[in-house]
Amino acid sequence: MTQKMSLTEDIKLSFHKIFVSCDPFGEPFCNVVPCRLILCPYGYHLDEEQFEALSRAAGSVGEKKAFVLTIEGISRIEESKECWEIDLSEYEAYAHIPLMMRYALYSTRGNWGLIVSEEEYAVLGSREGFMDVFKEAYPEWESQLPQFLDMWREKKGWGSDVSWLPALTKHVYGRAYSL
């Protein structure tokens, strides 16, 4: 079941256990979040396979629900206007949330989280156990970084600013990638 909610202190606390910022073009994760990767979702929602892997990984750490928080155009989550609690076993309910721009999908306990960018990619961070299960459930994770770099190489050719990309890839992978 998907339930629209007001932004509470618990929702904010869970966010701040994983994220230091709402910016998917910067360095969004807390230093205590050791496992990170980039996903390339299609459209504004994760595809069903990505969502299922996320659900399975969350289940492996005892979680069945997550928060979805719109974060487009804000610098602090306290400014967010929309929040939902979702059941991670219900892809269709998640897919029908009207998400048109940047948002965070994250653990109710602050164990994992992702920020989906308006530029059709997401950054995912977690503790080891969660990420191990996610990677096993979503073997395509290995192709995501090359797809992300190819997408931005093409966008750079169209004149998009990619000056942020080395800092983000260093934050996520420990290595700065340039185009």
Foldseek 3Di string as FASTA:
>chain_A
DKDKDDDDPLQQVLLVLFFPWLDLLAQTGDPVFDAKAKAQADAQDRDPLLLVLLCQLCVQVPDFKKKKWADPPHTGSVPTDIMMIGGSVDPPVVVPDPDQAWIKIGTSNNAKIWIQGNLRMIMITGHDSSVVSSCVSPVCRVVGVVVVVVSVVVVVVVPDDSVSQQNSCCSNPVGGDDD
